[in-house]
Amino acid sequence: MTDWFHLDDELDAWAQAGRVATFWWRDDDARAPSPALERLLSLAGEAAAPLALAVIPAEVEDTLGAFLAAATPVSILQHGYAHQNHAGPKQKKIELGPHRPFETVIAEIAVGWQRLDSLSASCGLRDRLLAVMVPPWNRIAPQLVPMLPEIRFTGLSTFGPRGRAEAVRGLHQVNTHIDVIDWAGTRGFVGTHTALDQAVSHLARRRTTQGDAAEPTGLLTHHLAHDEATWDFVAAFLDRIAKHDAAQMVSAHRAFGMTAP
């Protein structure tokens, strides 16, 4: 079973190779200020860890903008449109899928971007809003991907090792690889061994060039779904990364090759 010393050993291997393992952090389903979001931002501040919030445009409340403006700086990404499932009852959940005309889906995405752009501008956060699409449930119809650059998106983020750095021309893809929630089971913490196995496996593939060495290892959280065990793990993981010379948390701006504010 993968444990903390396995993570240390893997990072030591990066150090011995004269390399630094990069990480980034994405949290999904932000809508409004809440005690859980406040705790998330507090944790990010204490750990000095750059955080990217994937915000649901159709459900975002005006109060979120002012809340984020007064908090630890975060990057803002677009999380689909309404986080609404359009698949059949026996199919995997998906919002950005083939179940509706693609023109309808793209139009919704564009409206969502306008909503986030307006909200961020009103609170002085426009430089924090990145043109990155985070599909709900990390799923998007392949036919929709080439359409994203046509409506100004320059980034895409799902889950699992990316196939290539550019999903299509002009669309940089940076995924997440460590999911701390056991969605198929308890819907609580997935467990230390499982979470660390995801981390170490992705790091090892990067280091040995079996995977994309340039893709930062992504931590995926969902602040509204965290139990205490999840909060404890995330804090411990961030602390472990911060204390190792061969590990570095990077911002979403850097991960996607965008100019940082």
C-alpha atoms as a PDB file:
ATOM      1  CA  MET A   1       0.000   0.000   0.000  1.00  0.00           C
ATOM      2  CA  THR A   2       1.259   3.464  -0.911  1.00  0.00           C
ATOM      3  CA  ASP A   3       2.088   5.583   2.134  1.00  0.00           C
ATOM      4  CA  TRP A   4       3.709   8.918   2.895  1.00  0.00           C
ATOM      5  CA  PHE A   5       7.222   7.483   2.750  1.00  0.00           C
ATOM      6  CA  HIS A   6       6.521   6.342  -0.827  1.00  0.00           C
ATOM      7  CA  LEU A   7       5.731   9.956  -1.739  1.00  0.00           C
ATOM      8  CA  ASP A   8       8.947  11.070  -0.023  1.00  0.00           C
ATOM      9  CA  ASP A   9      10.931   8.399  -1.886  1.00  0.00           C
ATOM     10  CA  GLU A  10       9.475   9.493  -5.233  1.00  0.00           C
ATOM     11  CA  LEU A  11      10.259  13.132  -4.573  1.00  0.00           C
ATOM     12  CA  ASP A  12      13.756  12.124  -3.463  1.00  0.00           C
ATOM     13  CA  ALA A  13      14.155  10.421  -6.839  1.00  0.00           C
ATOM     14  CA  TRP A  14      13.217  13.685  -8.533  1.00  0.00           C
ATOM     15  CA  ALA A  15      15.812  15.470  -6.428  1.00  0.00           C
ATOM     16  CA  GLN A  16      18.498  12.921  -7.303  1.00  0.00           C
ATOM     17  CA  ALA A  17      17.712  13.523 -10.972  1.00  0.00           C
ATOM     18  CA  GLY A  18      18.150  17.269 -10.438  1.00  0.00           C
ATOM     19  CA  ARG A  19      14.493  17.944 -11.204  1.00  0.00           C
ATOM     20  CA  VAL A  20      11.550  19.586  -9.447  1.00  0.00           C
ATOM     21  CA  ALA A  21       8.121  17.943  -9.438  1.00  0.00           C
ATOM     22  CA  THR A  22       5.399  20.515 -10.090  1.00  0.00           C
ATOM     23  CA  PHE A  23       1.872  20.308  -8.664  1.00  0.00           C
ATOM     24  CA  TRP A  24      -1.270  22.365  -9.098  1.00  0.00           C
ATOM     25  CA  TRP A  25      -4.574  22.482  -7.200  1.00  0.00           C
ATOM     26  CA  ARG A  26      -8.104  22.664  -8.631  1.00  0.00           C
ATOM     27  CA  ASP A  27     -11.272  22.775  -6.520  1.00  0.00           C
ATOM     28  CA  ASP A  28     -14.636  22.245  -8.221  1.00  0.00           C
ATOM     29  CA  ASP A  29     -18.277  23.332  -7.783  1.00  0.00           C
ATOM     30  CA  ALA A  30     -17.849  26.805  -6.307  1.00  0.00           C
ATOM     31  CA  ARG A  31     -21.125  28.731  -6.279  1.00  0.00           C
ATOM     32  CA  ALA A  32     -21.333  30.987  -3.243  1.00  0.00           C
ATOM     33  CA  PRO A  33     -19.586  31.886   0.006  1.00  0.00           C
ATOM     34  CA  SER A  34     -19.888  29.118   2.585  1.00  0.00           C
ATOM     35  CA  PRO A  35     -18.075  27.891   5.689  1.00  0.00           C
ATOM     36  CA  ALA A  36     -16.499  25.155   3.557  1.00  0.00           C
ATOM     37  CA  LEU A  37     -15.208  27.655   1.001  1.00  0.00           C
ATOM     38  CA  GLU A  38     -13.907  29.884   3.762  1.00  0.00           C
ATOM     39  CA  ARG A  39     -12.067  26.897   5.211  1.00  0.00           C
ATOM     40  CA  LEU A  40     -10.643  26.045   1.791  1.00  0.00           C
ATOM     41  CA  LEU A  41      -9.315  29.558   1.254  1.00  0.00           C
ATOM     42  CA  SER A  42      -7.896  29.629   4.763  1.00  0.00           C
ATOM     43  CA  LEU A  43      -6.078  26.358   4.102  1.00  0.00           C
ATOM     44  CA  ALA A  44      -4.693  27.688   0.817  1.00  0.00           C
ATOM     45  CA  GLY A  45      -3.454  30.808   2.572  1.00  0.00           C
ATOM     46  CA  GLU A  46      -1.841  28.922   5.438  1.00  0.00           C
ATOM     47  CA  ALA A  47      -0.110  26.563   3.012  1.00  0.00           C
ATOM     48  CA  ALA A  48       0.820  29.379   0.602  1.00  0.00           C
ATOM     49  CA  ALA A  49      -0.576  27.094  -2.099  1.00  0.00           C
ATOM     50  CA  PRO A  50      -1.999  28.589  -5.316  1.00  0.00           C
ATOM     51  CA  LEU A  51      -5.629  27.553  -5.744  1.00  0.00           C
ATOM     52  CA  ALA A  52      -7.855  27.444  -8.823  1.00  0.00           C
ATOM     53  CA  LEU A  53     -11.618  27.528  -8.241  1.00  0.00           C
ATOM     54  CA  ALA A  54     -13.878  26.010 -10.900  1.00  0.00           C
ATOM     55  CA  VAL A  55     -17.058  28.109 -10.646  1.00  0.00           C
ATOM     56  CA  ILE A  56     -20.503  27.105 -11.946  1.00  0.00           C
ATOM     57  CA  PRO A  57     -21.731  30.153 -13.936  1.00  0.00           C
ATOM     58  CA  ALA A  58     -25.480  29.479 -13.844  1.00  0.00           C
ATOM     59  CA  GLU A  59     -25.460  29.016 -10.073  1.00  0.00           C
ATOM     60  CA  VAL A  60     -22.888  31.590  -9.007  1.00  0.00           C
ATOM     61  CA  GLU A  61     -24.117  34.206  -6.553  1.00  0.00           C
ATOM     62  CA  ASP A  62     -23.081  37.836  -6.762  1.00  0.00           C
ATOM     63  CA  THR A  63     -21.689  37.626  -3.243  1.00  0.00           C
ATOM     64  CA  LEU A  64     -18.981  35.200  -4.375  1.00  0.00           C
ATOM     65  CA  GLY A  65     -17.086  37.928  -6.222  1.00  0.00           C
ATOM     66  CA  ALA A  66     -16.757  40.226  -3.226  1.00  0.00           C
ATOM     67  CA  PHE A  67     -15.952  37.234  -1.026  1.00  0.00           C
ATOM     68  CA  LEU A  68     -13.059  36.173  -3.256  1.00  0.00           C
ATOM     69  CA  ALA A  69     -11.825  39.741  -3.645  1.00  0.00           C
ATOM     70  CA  ALA A  70     -11.340  39.948   0.109  1.00  0.00           C
ATOM     71  CA  ALA A  71      -9.704  36.529   0.419  1.00  0.00           C
ATOM     72  CA  THR A  72      -6.444  34.844  -0.521  1.00  0.00           C
ATOM     73  CA  PRO A  73      -5.887  35.363  -4.263  1.00  0.00           C
ATOM     74  CA  VAL A  74      -7.215  32.474  -6.331  1.00  0.00           C
ATOM     75  CA  SER A  75      -7.586  31.759 -10.023  1.00  0.00           C
ATOM     76  CA  ILE A  76     -11.113  31.373 -11.391  1.00  0.00           C
ATOM     77  CA  LEU A  77     -11.992  28.765 -14.018  1.00  0.00           C
ATOM     78  CA  GLN A  78     -15.343  28.046 -15.710  1.00  0.00           C
ATOM     79  CA  HIS A  79     -17.078  24.852 -14.568  1.00  0.00           C
ATOM     80  CA  GLY A  80     -19.409  24.060 -17.464  1.00  0.00           C
ATOM     81  CA  TYR A  81     -22.615  26.068 -17.356  1.00  0.00           C
ATOM     82  CA  ALA A  82     -25.181  24.731 -14.868  1.00  0.00           C
ATOM     83  CA  HIS A  83     -23.588  21.442 -13.787  1.00  0.00           C
ATOM     84  CA  GLN A  84     -26.705  19.712 -15.083  1.00  0.00           C
ATOM     85  CA  ASN A  85     -26.697  16.121 -16.317  1.00  0.00           C
ATOM     86  CA  HIS A  86     -28.166  15.524 -19.780  1.00  0.00           C
ATOM     87  CA  ALA A  87     -27.267  11.851 -20.144  1.00  0.00           C
ATOM     88  CA  GLY A  88     -29.706   8.972 -19.829  1.00  0.00           C
ATOM     89  CA  PRO A  89     -30.382   7.153 -16.540  1.00  0.00           C
ATOM     90  CA  LYS A  90     -27.953   4.330 -17.306  1.00  0.00           C
ATOM     91  CA  GLN A  91     -25.233   6.550 -18.770  1.00  0.00           C
ATOM     92  CA  LYS A  92     -22.390   8.366 -17.047  1.00  0.00           C
ATOM     93  CA  LYS A  93     -23.312  11.897 -16.060  1.00  0.00           C
ATOM     94  CA  ILE A  94     -22.292  14.610 -18.496  1.00  0.00           C
ATOM     95  CA  GLU A  95     -23.345  18.178 -19.201  1.00  0.00           C
ATOM     96  CA  LEU A  96     -21.141  18.934 -22.184  1.00  0.00           C
ATOM     97  CA  GLY A  97     -22.147  15.844 -24.123  1.00  0.00           C
ATOM     98  CA  PRO A  98     -23.812  14.775 -27.382  1.00  0.00           C
ATOM     99  CA  HIS A  99     -27.321  14.632 -25.972  1.00  0.00           C
ATOM    100  CA  ARG A 100     -28.258  18.130 -27.180  1.00  0.00           C
ATOM    101  CA  PRO A 101     -27.346  20.105 -30.291  1.00  0.00           C
ATOM    102  CA  PHE A 102     -23.735  21.236 -29.991  1.00  0.00           C
ATOM    103  CA  GLU A 103     -24.815  24.758 -30.917  1.00  0.00           C
ATOM    104  CA  THR A 104     -26.983  24.806 -27.786  1.00  0.00           C
ATOM    105  CA  VAL A 105     -24.155  23.583 -25.585  1.00  0.00           C
ATOM    106  CA  ILE A 106     -21.666  26.103 -26.986  1.00  0.00           C
ATOM    107  CA  ALA A 107     -24.186  28.929 -26.613  1.00  0.00           C
ATOM    108  CA  GLU A 108     -24.643  28.040 -22.938  1.00  0.00           C
ATOM    109  CA  ILE A 109     -20.899  27.970 -22.388  1.00  0.00           C
ATOM    110  CA  ALA A 110     -20.591  31.416 -23.973  1.00  0.00           C
ATOM    111  CA  VAL A 111     -23.346  32.790 -21.723  1.00  0.00           C
ATOM    112  CA  GLY A 112     -21.573  31.267 -18.738  1.00  0.00           C
ATOM    113  CA  TRP A 113     -18.326  32.974 -19.658  1.00  0.00           C
ATOM    114  CA  GLN A 114     -20.095  36.326 -19.928  1.00  0.00           C
ATOM    115  CA  ARG A 115     -21.553  35.807 -16.461  1.00  0.00           C
ATOM    116  CA  LEU A 116     -18.176  35.054 -14.891  1.00  0.00           C
ATOM    117  CA  ASP A 117     -16.480  37.860 -16.802  1.00  0.00           C
ATOM    118  CA  SER A 118     -19.064  40.376 -15.619  1.00  0.00           C
ATOM    119  CA  LEU A 119     -18.862  39.172 -12.016  1.00  0.00           C
ATOM    120  CA  SER A 120     -15.071  39.191 -11.910  1.00  0.00           C
ATOM    121  CA  ALA A 121     -14.864  42.620 -13.547  1.00  0.00           C
ATOM    122  CA  SER A 122     -17.266  44.119 -11.005  1.00  0.00           C
ATOM    123  CA  CYS A 123     -15.014  42.973  -8.165  1.00  0.00           C
ATOM    124  CA  GLY A 124     -11.658  43.752  -9.709  1.00  0.00           C
ATOM    125  CA  LEU A 125     -10.905  40.085 -10.340  1.00  0.00           C
ATOM    126  CA  ARG A 126     -10.808  39.996 -14.132  1.00  0.00           C
ATOM    127  CA  ASP A 127      -7.072  39.227 -14.110  1.00  0.00           C
ATOM    128  CA  ARG A 128      -7.873  36.165 -11.990  1.00  0.00           C
ATOM    129  CA  LEU A 129     -10.377  34.738 -14.487  1.00  0.00           C
ATOM    130  CA  LEU A 130      -8.753  32.266 -16.862  1.00  0.00           C
ATOM    131  CA  ALA A 131     -10.322  31.138 -20.134  1.00  0.00           C
ATOM    132  CA  VAL A 132     -10.152  27.520 -19.004  1.00  0.00           C
ATOM    133  CA  MET A 133     -13.064  25.098 -19.328  1.00  0.00           C
ATOM    134  CA  VAL A 134     -13.522  22.519 -16.576  1.00  0.00           C
ATOM    135  CA  PRO A 135     -16.290  20.135 -17.730  1.00  0.00           C
ATOM    136  CA  PRO A 136     -18.613  18.912 -14.955  1.00  0.00           C
ATOM    137  CA  TRP A 137     -17.818  15.299 -14.062  1.00  0.00           C
ATOM    138  CA  ASN A 138     -14.615  15.822 -16.083  1.00  0.00           C
ATOM    139  CA  ARG A 139     -16.392  14.755 -19.273  1.00  0.00           C
ATOM    140  CA  ILE A 140     -16.801  16.533 -22.587  1.00  0.00           C
ATOM    141  CA  ALA A 141     -17.857  15.279 -26.005  1.00  0.00           C
ATOM    142  CA  PRO A 142     -14.766  15.094 -28.266  1.00  0.00           C
ATOM    143  CA  GLN A 143     -16.671  16.998 -30.970  1.00  0.00           C
ATOM    144  CA  LEU A 144     -17.024  19.997 -28.640  1.00  0.00           C
ATOM    145  CA  VAL A 145     -13.330  20.343 -27.849  1.00  0.00           C
ATOM    146  CA  PRO A 146     -12.344  21.982 -31.187  1.00  0.00           C
ATOM    147  CA  MET A 147     -15.172  24.483 -30.725  1.00  0.00           C
ATOM    148  CA  LEU A 148     -13.815  25.876 -27.458  1.00  0.00           C
ATOM    149  CA  PRO A 149     -11.074  28.057 -29.010  1.00  0.00           C
ATOM    150  CA  GLU A 150     -13.733  29.556 -31.285  1.00  0.00           C
ATOM    151  CA  ILE A 151     -15.388  31.086 -28.217  1.00  0.00           C
ATOM    152  CA  ARG A 152     -12.066  32.331 -26.762  1.00  0.00           C
ATOM    153  CA  PHE A 153     -11.151  29.411 -24.493  1.00  0.00           C
ATOM    154  CA  THR A 154      -7.437  28.690 -24.333  1.00  0.00           C
ATOM    155  CA  GLY A 155      -7.425  25.934 -21.704  1.00  0.00           C
ATOM    156  CA  LEU A 156      -9.161  22.650 -20.848  1.00  0.00           C
ATOM    157  CA  SER A 157      -8.937  20.626 -17.633  1.00  0.00           C
ATOM    158  CA  THR A 158     -10.392  17.175 -16.947  1.00  0.00           C
ATOM    159  CA  PHE A 159      -9.071  14.190 -14.959  1.00  0.00           C
ATOM    160  CA  GLY A 160      -6.289  11.737 -15.739  1.00  0.00           C
ATOM    161  CA  PRO A 161      -3.016  12.003 -17.672  1.00  0.00           C
ATOM    162  CA  ARG A 162      -3.459  14.173 -20.747  1.00  0.00           C
ATOM    163  CA  GLY A 163      -2.932  12.745 -24.195  1.00  0.00           C
ATOM    164  CA  ARG A 164      -1.082  15.815 -25.398  1.00  0.00           C
ATOM    165  CA  ALA A 165      -0.247  19.304 -24.198  1.00  0.00           C
ATOM    166  CA  GLU A 166      -2.653  20.844 -26.718  1.00  0.00           C
ATOM    167  CA  ALA A 167      -6.007  19.099 -26.960  1.00  0.00           C
ATOM    168  CA  VAL A 168      -6.445  20.979 -30.239  1.00  0.00           C
ATOM    169  CA  ARG A 169      -4.560  23.930 -31.667  1.00  0.00           C
ATOM    170  CA  GLY A 170      -4.781  26.852 -29.270  1.00  0.00           C
ATOM    171  CA  LEU A 171      -6.263  24.820 -26.399  1.00  0.00           C
ATOM    172  CA  HIS A 172      -3.746  23.916 -23.691  1.00  0.00           C
ATOM    173  CA  GLN A 173      -4.798  20.942 -21.563  1.00  0.00           C
ATOM    174  CA  VAL A 174      -3.745  20.490 -17.936  1.00  0.00           C
ATOM    175  CA  ASN A 175      -5.606  17.808 -15.996  1.00  0.00           C
ATOM    176  CA  THR A 176      -5.898  16.705 -12.384  1.00  0.00           C
ATOM    177  CA  HIS A 177      -4.729  13.285 -11.182  1.00  0.00           C
ATOM    178  CA  ILE A 178      -5.425  12.978  -7.450  1.00  0.00           C
ATOM    179  CA  ASP A 179      -9.125  12.767  -6.531  1.00  0.00           C
ATOM    180  CA  VAL A 180      -9.597  12.759  -2.771  1.00  0.00           C
ATOM    181  CA  ILE A 181     -13.307  11.811  -2.831  1.00  0.00           C
ATOM    182  CA  ASP A 182     -14.624   8.239  -3.074  1.00  0.00           C
ATOM    183  CA  TRP A 183     -17.453   9.092  -5.474  1.00  0.00           C
ATOM    184  CA  ALA A 184     -18.312   5.488  -6.339  1.00  0.00           C
ATOM    185  CA  GLY A 185     -18.434   4.350  -2.719  1.00  0.00           C
ATOM    186  CA  THR A 186     -18.796   6.254   0.522  1.00  0.00           C
ATOM    187  CA  ARG A 187     -18.623   9.707  -1.100  1.00  0.00           C
ATOM    188  CA  GLY A 188     -16.260  10.567   1.735  1.00  0.00           C
ATOM    189  CA  PHE A 189     -12.469  10.532   1.817  1.00  0.00           C
ATOM    190  CA  VAL A 190     -11.014   8.042  -0.644  1.00  0.00           C
ATOM    191  CA  GLY A 191      -8.323   7.071   1.851  1.00  0.00           C
ATOM    192  CA  THR A 192      -4.675   8.005   2.322  1.00  0.00           C
ATOM    193  CA  HIS A 193      -3.281   4.972   0.501  1.00  0.00           C
ATOM    194  CA  THR A 194      -5.476   5.459  -2.578  1.00  0.00           C
ATOM    195  CA  ALA A 195      -4.877   9.197  -2.797  1.00  0.00           C
ATOM    196  CA  LEU A 196      -1.125   8.806  -2.416  1.00  0.00           C
ATOM    197  CA  ASP A 197      -1.057   5.964  -4.937  1.00  0.00           C
ATOM    198  CA  GLN A 198      -2.612   8.311  -7.485  1.00  0.00           C
ATOM    199  CA  ALA A 199       0.001  10.952  -6.704  1.00  0.00           C
ATOM    200  CA  VAL A 200       3.044   8.675  -6.704  1.00  0.00           C
ATOM    201  CA  SER A 201       1.917   6.831  -9.841  1.00  0.00           C
ATOM    202  CA  HIS A 202       1.563  10.027 -11.839  1.00  0.00           C
ATOM    203  CA  LEU A 203       4.846  11.418 -10.536  1.00  0.00           C
ATOM    204  CA  ALA A 204       6.701   8.208 -11.374  1.00  0.00           C
ATOM    205  CA  ARG A 205       5.333   8.150 -14.919  1.00  0.00           C
ATOM    206  CA  ARG A 206       6.443  11.740 -15.384  1.00  0.00           C
ATOM    207  CA  ARG A 207       9.904  11.097 -13.981  1.00  0.00           C
ATOM    208  CA  THR A 208      10.519   7.977 -16.066  1.00  0.00           C
ATOM    209  CA  THR A 209       9.087   9.589 -19.233  1.00  0.00           C
ATOM    210  CA  GLN A 210       6.338   6.957 -19.413  1.00  0.00           C
ATOM    211  CA  GLY A 211       3.969   9.922 -19.191  1.00  0.00           C
ATOM    212  CA  ASP A 212       3.996  13.614 -20.029  1.00  0.00           C
ATOM    213  CA  ALA A 213       6.836  14.952 -17.895  1.00  0.00           C
ATOM    214  CA  ALA A 214       5.713  18.555 -18.344  1.00  0.00           C
ATOM    215  CA  GLU A 215       2.155  18.137 -17.037  1.00  0.00           C
ATOM    216  CA  PRO A 216       1.937  19.248 -13.384  1.00  0.00           C
ATOM    217  CA  THR A 217       0.453  16.645 -11.066  1.00  0.00           C
ATOM    218  CA  GLY A 218      -3.015  17.930 -10.244  1.00  0.00           C
ATOM    219  CA  LEU A 219      -4.771  17.767  -6.874  1.00  0.00           C
ATOM    220  CA  LEU A 220      -8.575  17.750  -7.271  1.00  0.00           C
ATOM    221  CA  THR A 221     -10.796  18.734  -4.346  1.00  0.00           C
ATOM    222  CA  HIS A 222     -14.496  19.514  -3.841  1.00  0.00           C
ATOM    223  CA  HIS A 223     -14.791  21.721  -0.757  1.00  0.00           C
ATOM    224  CA  LEU A 224     -18.542  21.155  -0.365  1.00  0.00           C
ATOM    225  CA  ALA A 225     -18.050  17.374  -0.189  1.00  0.00           C
ATOM    226  CA  HIS A 226     -15.157  17.217   2.289  1.00  0.00           C
ATOM    227  CA  ASP A 227     -15.380  15.297   5.529  1.00  0.00           C
ATOM    228  CA  GLU A 228     -12.805  15.821   8.275  1.00  0.00           C
ATOM    229  CA  ALA A 229     -10.566  13.045   6.963  1.00  0.00           C
ATOM    230  CA  THR A 230     -10.452  14.762   3.576  1.00  0.00           C
ATOM    231  CA  TRP A 231      -9.565  18.126   5.073  1.00  0.00           C
ATOM    232  CA  ASP A 232      -6.819  16.495   7.148  1.00  0.00           C
ATOM    233  CA  PHE A 233      -5.317  14.746   4.128  1.00  0.00           C
ATOM    234  CA  VAL A 234      -5.308  17.854   1.929  1.00  0.00           C
ATOM    235  CA  ALA A 235      -3.592  19.854   4.668  1.00  0.00           C
ATOM    236  CA  ALA A 236      -1.006  17.125   5.215  1.00  0.00           C
ATOM    237  CA  PHE A 237      -0.386  16.729   1.482  1.00  0.00           C
ATOM    238  CA  LEU A 238       0.169  20.438   0.950  1.00  0.00           C
ATOM    239  CA  ASP A 239       2.490  20.534   3.948  1.00  0.00           C
ATOM    240  CA  ARG A 240       4.506  17.589   2.605  1.00  0.00           C
ATOM    241  CA  ILE A 241       4.901  19.245  -0.782  1.00  0.00           C
ATOM    242  CA  ALA A 242       5.913  22.568   0.757  1.00  0.00           C
ATOM    243  CA  LYS A 243       8.661  20.965   2.833  1.00  0.00           C
ATOM    244  CA  HIS A 244      10.369  19.033   0.027  1.00  0.00           C
ATOM    245  CA  ASP A 245      13.003  20.811  -2.038  1.00  0.00           C
ATOM    246  CA  ALA A 246      12.093  18.815  -5.155  1.00  0.00           C
ATOM    247  CA  ALA A 247       8.390  19.715  -5.073  1.00  0.00           C
ATOM    248  CA  GLN A 248       6.659  22.949  -6.016  1.00  0.00           C
ATOM    249  CA  MET A 249       3.052  24.077  -6.182  1.00  0.00           C
ATOM    250  CA  VAL A 250       2.388  26.259  -9.227  1.00  0.00           C
ATOM    251  CA  SER A 251      -0.527  28.529 -10.039  1.00  0.00           C
ATOM    252  CA  ALA A 252      -3.102  27.759 -12.711  1.00  0.00           C
ATOM    253  CA  HIS A 253      -1.727  30.734 -14.633  1.00  0.00           C
ATOM    254  CA  ARG A 254       1.673  29.057 -14.794  1.00  0.00           C
ATOM    255  CA  ALA A 255       0.269  25.583 -15.412  1.00  0.00           C
ATOM    256  CA  PHE A 256      -1.629  26.832 -18.450  1.00  0.00           C
ATOM    257  CA  GLY A 257       1.191  29.076 -19.635  1.00  0.00           C
ATOM    258  CA  MET A 258      -0.744  32.286 -19.029  1.00  0.00           C
ATOM    259  CA  THR A 259       0.536  35.596 -17.741  1.00  0.00           C
ATOM    260  CA  ALA A 260       0.137  35.805 -13.976  1.00  0.00           C
ATOM    261  CA  PRO A 261      -1.494  38.905 -12.478  1.00  0.00           C
END
